[in-house]
PDB file of N, CA and C in Angstrom:
ATOM      1  N   MET A   1      49.352 -11.914 -30.455  1.00  0.00           N
ATOM      2  CA  MET A   1      48.092 -11.415 -30.257  1.00  0.00           C
ATOM      3  C   MET A   1      48.952  -9.456 -30.399  1.00  0.00           C
ATOM      4  N   ASN A   2      48.235  -9.377 -31.093  1.00  0.00           N
ATOM      5  CA  ASN A   2      48.619  -7.623 -31.891  1.00  0.00           C
ATOM      6  C   ASN A   2      47.632  -6.523 -30.469  1.00  0.00           C
ATOM      7  N   ASN A   3      47.734  -5.771 -30.715  1.00  0.00           N
ATOM      8  CA  ASN A   3      47.749  -4.743 -30.016  1.00  0.00           C
ATOM      9  C   ASN A   3      45.992  -4.501 -29.742  1.00  0.00           C
ATOM     10  N   PHE A   4      45.636  -4.339 -30.907  1.00  0.00           N
ATOM     11  CA  PHE A   4      44.178  -4.283 -31.225  1.00  0.00           C
ATOM     12  C   PHE A   4      43.375  -5.225 -30.636  1.00  0.00           C
ATOM     13  N   THR A   5      44.008  -6.618 -30.471  1.00  0.00           N
ATOM     14  CA  THR A   5      43.403  -7.892 -29.968  1.00  0.00           C
ATOM     15  C   THR A   5      43.156  -7.297 -28.348  1.00  0.00           C
ATOM     16  N   ASN A   6      44.491  -7.219 -28.261  1.00  0.00           N
ATOM     17  CA  ASN A   6      45.045  -6.875 -26.644  1.00  0.00           C
ATOM     18  C   ASN A   6      44.144  -6.170 -25.710  1.00  0.00           C
ATOM     19  N   PHE A   7      43.561  -4.286 -26.793  1.00  0.00           N
ATOM     20  CA  PHE A   7      42.729  -3.923 -26.604  1.00  0.00           C
ATOM     21  C   PHE A   7      41.483  -3.812 -26.763  1.00  0.00           C
ATOM     22  N   ALA A   8      40.651  -4.802 -27.469  1.00  0.00           N
ATOM     23  CA  ALA A   8      39.898  -5.095 -27.396  1.00  0.00           C
ATOM     24  C   ALA A   8      38.890  -6.056 -26.337  1.00  0.00           C
ATOM     25  N   TYR A   9      40.270  -7.683 -26.293  1.00  0.00           N
ATOM     26  CA  TYR A   9      39.799  -8.404 -24.619  1.00  0.00           C
ATOM     27  C   TYR A   9      39.602  -7.307 -23.501  1.00  0.00           C
ATOM     28  N   LYS A  10      40.783  -6.017 -23.201  1.00  0.00           N
ATOM     29  CA  LYS A  10      40.764  -5.819 -22.136  1.00  0.00           C
ATOM     30  C   LYS A  10      39.277  -5.054 -22.104  1.00  0.00           C
ATOM     31  N   PHE A  11      38.673  -4.163 -23.141  1.00  0.00           N
ATOM     32  CA  PHE A  11      37.476  -3.413 -22.990  1.00  0.00           C
ATOM     33  C   PHE A  11      36.329  -4.736 -22.796  1.00  0.00           C
ATOM     34  N   LEU A  12      36.926  -5.329 -23.329  1.00  0.00           N
ATOM     35  CA  LEU A  12      35.654  -7.004 -23.213  1.00  0.00           C
ATOM     36  C   LEU A  12      35.458  -6.742 -21.884  1.00  0.00           C
ATOM     37  N   TRP A  13      36.246  -7.426 -20.982  1.00  0.00           N
ATOM     38  CA  TRP A  13      36.250  -7.543 -19.947  1.00  0.00           C
ATOM     39  C   TRP A  13      36.153  -6.464 -18.913  1.00  0.00           C
ATOM     40  N   PHE A  14      36.221  -5.391 -18.984  1.00  0.00           N
ATOM     41  CA  PHE A  14      36.186  -3.732 -18.271  1.00  0.00           C
ATOM     42  C   PHE A  14      34.713  -3.810 -18.580  1.00  0.00           C
ATOM     43  N   GLY A  15      34.246  -3.651 -19.586  1.00  0.00           N
ATOM     44  CA  GLY A  15      32.624  -3.783 -19.553  1.00  0.00           C
ATOM     45  C   GLY A  15      31.940  -4.877 -18.867  1.00  0.00           C
ATOM     46  N   ILE A  16      32.397  -6.334 -19.063  1.00  0.00           N
ATOM     47  CA  ILE A  16      31.755  -7.014 -18.226  1.00  0.00           C
ATOM     48  C   ILE A  16      31.493  -6.567 -16.921  1.00  0.00           C
ATOM     49  N   CYS A  17      32.583  -6.510 -16.329  1.00  0.00           N
ATOM     50  CA  CYS A  17      32.827  -6.007 -14.487  1.00  0.00           C
ATOM     51  C   CYS A  17      31.904  -5.114 -14.472  1.00  0.00           C
ATOM     52  N   ILE A  18      31.940  -3.868 -15.370  1.00  0.00           N
ATOM     53  CA  ILE A  18      31.241  -2.634 -14.875  1.00  0.00           C
ATOM     54  C   ILE A  18      29.733  -3.572 -15.021  1.00  0.00           C
ATOM     55  N   TYR A  19      28.874  -4.034 -16.167  1.00  0.00           N
ATOM     56  CA  TYR A  19      27.881  -4.682 -15.973  1.00  0.00           C
ATOM     57  C   TYR A  19      27.362  -5.686 -15.185  1.00  0.00           C
ATOM     58  N   VAL A  20      28.226  -5.920 -14.717  1.00  0.00           N
ATOM     59  CA  VAL A  20      28.111  -7.240 -13.440  1.00  0.00           C
ATOM     60  C   VAL A  20      28.274  -6.214 -11.551  1.00  0.00           C
ATOM     61  N   ILE A  21      28.692  -5.313 -12.009  1.00  0.00           N
ATOM     62  CA  ILE A  21      29.016  -4.196 -10.713  1.00  0.00           C
ATOM     63  C   ILE A  21      27.383  -3.854 -10.898  1.00  0.00           C
ATOM     64  N   PHE A  22      26.781  -2.820 -11.428  1.00  0.00           N
ATOM     65  CA  PHE A  22      25.796  -2.093 -11.819  1.00  0.00           C
ATOM     66  C   PHE A  22      24.867  -3.519 -11.030  1.00  0.00           C
ATOM     67  N   ALA A  23      24.562  -4.408 -12.107  1.00  0.00           N
ATOM     68  CA  ALA A  23      23.582  -5.514 -11.517  1.00  0.00           C
ATOM     69  C   ALA A  23      23.647  -5.821 -10.067  1.00  0.00           C
ATOM     70  N   MET A  24      25.053  -5.669  -9.733  1.00  0.00           N
ATOM     71  CA  MET A  24      25.038  -6.509  -8.111  1.00  0.00           C
ATOM     72  C   MET A  24      24.558  -5.197  -7.413  1.00  0.00           C
ATOM     73  N   LEU A  25      24.440  -3.833  -7.972  1.00  0.00           N
ATOM     74  CA  LEU A  25      24.305  -2.144  -7.017  1.00  0.00           C
ATOM     75  C   LEU A  25      22.601  -2.478  -7.053  1.00  0.00           C
ATOM     76  N   TYR A  26      22.434  -2.736  -8.385  1.00  0.00           N
ATOM     77  CA  TYR A  26      20.422  -2.983  -8.531  1.00  0.00           C
ATOM     78  C   TYR A  26      19.904  -3.700  -7.953  1.00  0.00           C
ATOM     79  N   THR A  27      20.315  -4.811  -7.711  1.00  0.00           N
ATOM     80  CA  THR A  27      20.000  -6.380  -6.835  1.00  0.00           C
ATOM     81  C   THR A  27      19.900  -5.528  -5.285  1.00  0.00           C
ATOM     82  N   ILE A  28      20.969  -4.864  -4.671  1.00  0.00           N
ATOM     83  CA  ILE A  28      21.025  -4.872  -3.552  1.00  0.00           C
ATOM     84  C   ILE A  28      20.050  -3.628  -3.171  1.00  0.00           C
ATOM     85  N   PHE A  29      20.136  -2.659  -4.048  1.00  0.00           N
ATOM     86  CA  PHE A  29      19.204  -1.248  -3.400  1.00  0.00           C
ATOM     87  C   PHE A  29      17.679  -1.125  -3.948  1.00  0.00           C
ATOM     88  N   LYS A  30      17.716  -2.199  -5.045  1.00  0.00           N
ATOM     89  CA  LYS A  30      16.120  -1.660  -5.496  1.00  0.00           C
ATOM     90  C   LYS A  30      15.098  -1.960  -4.331  1.00  0.00           C
ATOM     91  N   PRO A  31      14.398  -1.325  -4.323  1.00  0.00           N
ATOM     92  CA  PRO A  31      12.884  -1.068  -3.300  1.00  0.00           C
ATOM     93  C   PRO A  31      12.229  -2.414  -3.633  1.00  0.00           C
ATOM     94  N   PRO A  32      11.909  -3.030  -2.474  1.00  0.00           N
ATOM     95  CA  PRO A  32      11.065  -4.449  -2.104  1.00  0.00           C
ATOM     96  C   PRO A  32       9.626  -4.407  -3.014  1.00  0.00           C
ATOM     97  N   GLN A  33       9.537  -5.635  -3.713  1.00  0.00           N
ATOM     98  CA  GLN A  33       8.125  -5.305  -4.422  1.00  0.00           C
ATOM     99  C   GLN A  33       7.476  -6.562  -3.365  1.00  0.00           C
ATOM    100  N   ASN A  34       6.778  -5.871  -2.343  1.00  0.00           N
ATOM    101  CA  ASN A  34       5.492  -6.534  -1.509  1.00  0.00           C
ATOM    102  C   ASN A  34       3.957  -6.607  -2.013  1.00  0.00           C
ATOM    103  N   GLU A  35       3.857  -6.468  -2.925  1.00  0.00           N
ATOM    104  CA  GLU A  35       2.566  -6.507  -3.413  1.00  0.00           C
ATOM    105  C   GLU A  35       1.441  -7.292  -3.302  1.00  0.00           C
ATOM    106  N   VAL A  36       1.249  -7.165  -1.808  1.00  0.00           N
ATOM    107  CA  VAL A  36      -0.062  -7.833  -1.249  1.00  0.00           C
ATOM    108  C   VAL A  36      -1.206  -7.175  -1.261  1.00  0.00           C
ATOM    109  N   MET A  37      -1.847  -8.213  -1.611  1.00  0.00           N
ATOM    110  CA  MET A  37      -3.370  -8.395  -2.032  1.00  0.00           C
ATOM    111  C   MET A  37      -4.222  -7.869  -0.618  1.00  0.00           C
ATOM    112  N   PRO A  38      -4.907  -6.678  -0.152  1.00  0.00           N
ATOM    113  CA  PRO A  38      -5.536  -7.172   0.842  1.00  0.00           C
ATOM    114  C   PRO A  38      -6.671  -8.193   1.076  1.00  0.00           C
ATOM    115  N   PRO A  39      -7.412  -8.823   2.148  1.00  0.00           N
ATOM    116  CA  PRO A  39      -8.185  -9.462   1.847  1.00  0.00           C
ATOM    117  C   PRO A  39      -9.479  -9.319   1.356  1.00  0.00           C
ATOM    118  N   LYS A  40      -9.688 -10.269   0.643  1.00  0.00           N
ATOM    119  CA  LYS A  40     -11.352 -10.185  -0.159  1.00  0.00           C
ATOM    120  C   LYS A  40     -12.440 -10.867   0.581  1.00  0.00           C
ATOM    121  N   PHE A  41     -13.493 -10.290   0.390  1.00  0.00           N
ATOM    122  CA  PHE A  41     -15.022 -11.209   1.053  1.00  0.00           C
ATOM    123  C   PHE A  41     -15.367 -11.263  -0.049  1.00  0.00           C
ATOM    124  N   GLU A  42     -16.481 -12.283  -0.594  1.00  0.00           N
ATOM    125  CA  GLU A  42     -17.326 -12.630  -1.460  1.00  0.00           C
ATOM    126  C   GLU A  42     -18.524 -13.229  -1.263  1.00  0.00           C
ATOM    127  N   VAL A  43     -19.905 -12.697  -1.440  1.00  0.00           N
ATOM    128  CA  VAL A  43     -20.966 -13.890  -1.207  1.00  0.00           C
ATOM    129  C   VAL A  43     -21.019 -14.710  -2.542  1.00  0.00           C
ATOM    130  N   VAL A  44     -20.737 -15.816  -2.434  1.00  0.00           N
ATOM    131  CA  VAL A  44     -20.807 -16.842  -3.404  1.00  0.00           C
ATOM    132  C   VAL A  44     -22.157 -17.487  -3.257  1.00  0.00           C
ATOM    133  N   ASP A  45     -22.898 -17.591  -2.604  1.00  0.00           N
ATOM    134  CA  ASP A  45     -23.839 -18.484  -2.518  1.00  0.00           C
ATOM    135  C   ASP A  45     -24.711 -18.446  -1.060  1.00  0.00           C
ATOM    136  N   THR A  46     -25.768 -19.122  -1.052  1.00  0.00           N
ATOM    137  CA  THR A  46     -26.414 -18.944   0.332  1.00  0.00           C
ATOM    138  C   THR A  46     -27.237 -20.483   0.568  1.00  0.00           C
ATOM    139  N   TYR A  47     -26.923 -20.479   1.694  1.00  0.00           N
ATOM    140  CA  TYR A  47     -27.581 -21.824   2.664  1.00  0.00           C
ATOM    141  C   TYR A  47     -28.337 -21.751   3.547  1.00  0.00           C
ATOM    142  N   LYS A  48     -29.885 -22.396   3.667  1.00  0.00           N
ATOM    143  CA  LYS A  48     -30.552 -22.237   4.910  1.00  0.00           C
ATOM    144  C   LYS A  48     -30.750 -20.526   5.391  1.00  0.00           C
ATOM    145  N   ASN A  49     -30.996 -20.117   4.114  1.00  0.00           N
ATOM    146  CA  ASN A  49     -31.276 -17.978   4.888  1.00  0.00           C
ATOM    147  C   ASN A  49     -29.849 -18.114   5.178  1.00  0.00           C
ATOM    148  N   CYS A  50     -29.189 -18.190   5.059  1.00  0.00           N
ATOM    149  CA  CYS A  50     -27.446 -17.698   5.224  1.00  0.00           C
ATOM    150  C   CYS A  50     -26.752 -17.330   4.430  1.00  0.00           C
ATOM    151  N   GLU A  51     -25.704 -16.514   4.024  1.00  0.00           N
ATOM    152  CA  GLU A  51     -24.857 -16.037   2.923  1.00  0.00           C
ATOM    153  C   GLU A  51     -23.492 -16.833   2.937  1.00  0.00           C
ATOM    154  N   VAL A  52     -22.957 -17.470   1.880  1.00  0.00           N
ATOM    155  CA  VAL A  52     -21.819 -18.460   2.396  1.00  0.00           C
ATOM    156  C   VAL A  52     -20.607 -17.111   1.311  1.00  0.00           C
ATOM    157  N   VAL A  53     -19.943 -17.122   2.255  1.00  0.00           N
ATOM    158  CA  VAL A  53     -18.954 -16.113   2.257  1.00  0.00           C
ATOM    159  C   VAL A  53     -17.819 -16.337   1.869  1.00  0.00           C
ATOM    160  N   ARG A  54     -17.217 -16.072   0.617  1.00  0.00           N
ATOM    161  CA  ARG A  54     -15.624 -16.516   0.578  1.00  0.00           C
ATOM    162  C   ARG A  54     -14.670 -15.657   0.743  1.00  0.00           C
ATOM    163  N   TRP A  55     -13.655 -15.770   1.556  1.00  0.00           N
ATOM    164  CA  TRP A  55     -12.594 -14.862   1.985  1.00  0.00           C
ATOM    165  C   TRP A  55     -11.342 -15.690   1.767  1.00  0.00           C
ATOM    166  N   THR A  56     -10.865 -14.099   0.862  1.00  0.00           N
ATOM    167  CA  THR A  56      -9.441 -14.441  -0.154  1.00  0.00           C
ATOM    168  C   THR A  56      -8.451 -13.900   1.083  1.00  0.00           C
ATOM    169  N   ASP A  57      -7.575 -14.404   1.915  1.00  0.00           N
ATOM    170  CA  ASP A  57      -6.281 -14.257   2.351  1.00  0.00           C
ATOM    171  C   ASP A  57      -5.314 -13.906   1.441  1.00  0.00           C
ATOM    172  N   PRO A  58      -4.396 -12.957   2.246  1.00  0.00           N
ATOM    173  CA  PRO A  58      -3.354 -12.569   1.514  1.00  0.00           C
ATOM    174  C   PRO A  58      -2.463 -13.201   0.486  1.00  0.00           C
ATOM    175  N   SER A  59      -2.627 -14.608   1.310  1.00  0.00           N
ATOM    176  CA  SER A  59      -1.519 -15.553   0.449  1.00  0.00           C
ATOM    177  C   SER A  59      -2.776 -16.354  -0.596  1.00  0.00           C
ATOM    178  N   GLN A  60      -3.690 -15.685  -0.985  1.00  0.00           N
ATOM    179  CA  GLN A  60      -4.552 -16.261  -2.129  1.00  0.00           C
ATOM    180  C   GLN A  60      -5.019 -17.147  -1.843  1.00  0.00           C
ATOM    181  N   ARG A  61      -5.568 -17.752  -0.364  1.00  0.00           N
ATOM    182  CA  ARG A  61      -5.744 -19.063  -0.211  1.00  0.00           C
ATOM    183  C   ARG A  61      -7.691 -18.712  -0.199  1.00  0.00           C
ATOM    184  N   TRP A  62      -8.440 -19.096  -0.248  1.00  0.00           N
ATOM    185  CA  TRP A  62      -9.793 -19.297   0.066  1.00  0.00           C
ATOM    186  C   TRP A  62     -10.124 -19.932   1.337  1.00  0.00           C
ATOM    187  N   GLN A  63     -11.289 -19.415   1.975  1.00  0.00           N
ATOM    188  CA  GLN A  63     -12.073 -19.655   2.790  1.00  0.00           C
ATOM    189  C   GLN A  63     -13.150 -19.330   3.116  1.00  0.00           C
ATOM    190  N   TYR A  64     -13.911 -20.351   3.402  1.00  0.00           N
ATOM    191  CA  TYR A  64     -15.711 -19.967   3.280  1.00  0.00           C
ATOM    192  C   TYR A  64     -15.709 -20.206   5.006  1.00  0.00           C
ATOM    193  N   PHE A  65     -17.437 -19.247   4.825  1.00  0.00           N
ATOM    194  CA  PHE A  65     -17.987 -18.989   6.366  1.00  0.00           C
ATOM    195  C   PHE A  65     -19.116 -19.058   6.214  1.00  0.00           C
ATOM    196  N   LEU A  66     -20.270 -19.016   7.073  1.00  0.00           N
ATOM    197  CA  LEU A  66     -21.708 -18.631   6.724  1.00  0.00           C
ATOM    198  C   LEU A  66     -22.340 -18.036   7.670  1.00  0.00           C
ATOM    199  N   ASP A  67     -22.390 -16.097   6.535  1.00  0.00           N
ATOM    200  CA  ASP A  67     -23.026 -15.365   7.582  1.00  0.00           C
ATOM    201  C   ASP A  67     -24.167 -15.783   7.612  1.00  0.00           C
ATOM    202  N   CYS A  68     -24.899 -15.480   8.863  1.00  0.00           N
ATOM    203  CA  CYS A  68     -26.404 -15.482   9.261  1.00  0.00           C
ATOM    204  C   CYS A  68     -26.671 -14.255   9.549  1.00  0.00           C
ATOM    205  N   SER A  69     -25.659 -13.311  10.132  1.00  0.00           N
ATOM    206  CA  SER A  69     -26.246 -12.367  10.765  1.00  0.00           C
ATOM    207  C   SER A  69     -27.407 -11.207  10.326  1.00  0.00           C
ATOM    208  N   GLY A  70     -27.547 -11.091   9.097  1.00  0.00           N
ATOM    209  CA  GLY A  70     -29.288 -10.773   7.831  1.00  0.00           C
ATOM    210  C   GLY A  70     -30.039 -11.774   8.127  1.00  0.00           C
ATOM    211  N   SER A  71     -30.304 -12.767   8.827  1.00  0.00           N
ATOM    212  CA  SER A  71     -31.247 -13.673   8.479  1.00  0.00           C
ATOM    213  C   SER A  71     -32.335 -13.535   9.794  1.00  0.00           C
ATOM    214  N   ASN A  72     -33.514 -14.083   9.575  1.00  0.00           N
ATOM    215  CA  ASN A  72     -34.891 -14.223  10.864  1.00  0.00           C
ATOM    216  C   ASN A  72     -34.764 -15.480  11.693  1.00  0.00           C
ATOM    217  N   HIS A  73     -33.307 -15.145  12.526  1.00  0.00           N
ATOM    218  CA  HIS A  73     -33.580 -16.636  12.742  1.00  0.00           C
ATOM    219  C   HIS A  73     -34.040 -16.331  14.791  1.00  0.00           C
TER     220      HIS A  73
END
């Protein structure tokens, strides 16, 4: 193995080590990506003079309930 090949291998390993260190530091210190969507209410239908409301919670599950507050019961 000549001097140039030896230097190339050392340079390659040095570059890989530096890359791994920066990748680890980025992973440790990056800001968290907690992009939680706020709950969302949407009227999707009516049933016996009540509104059928779909509520989307932060985990993106849909839940339905009747809102009869505006009706004449």
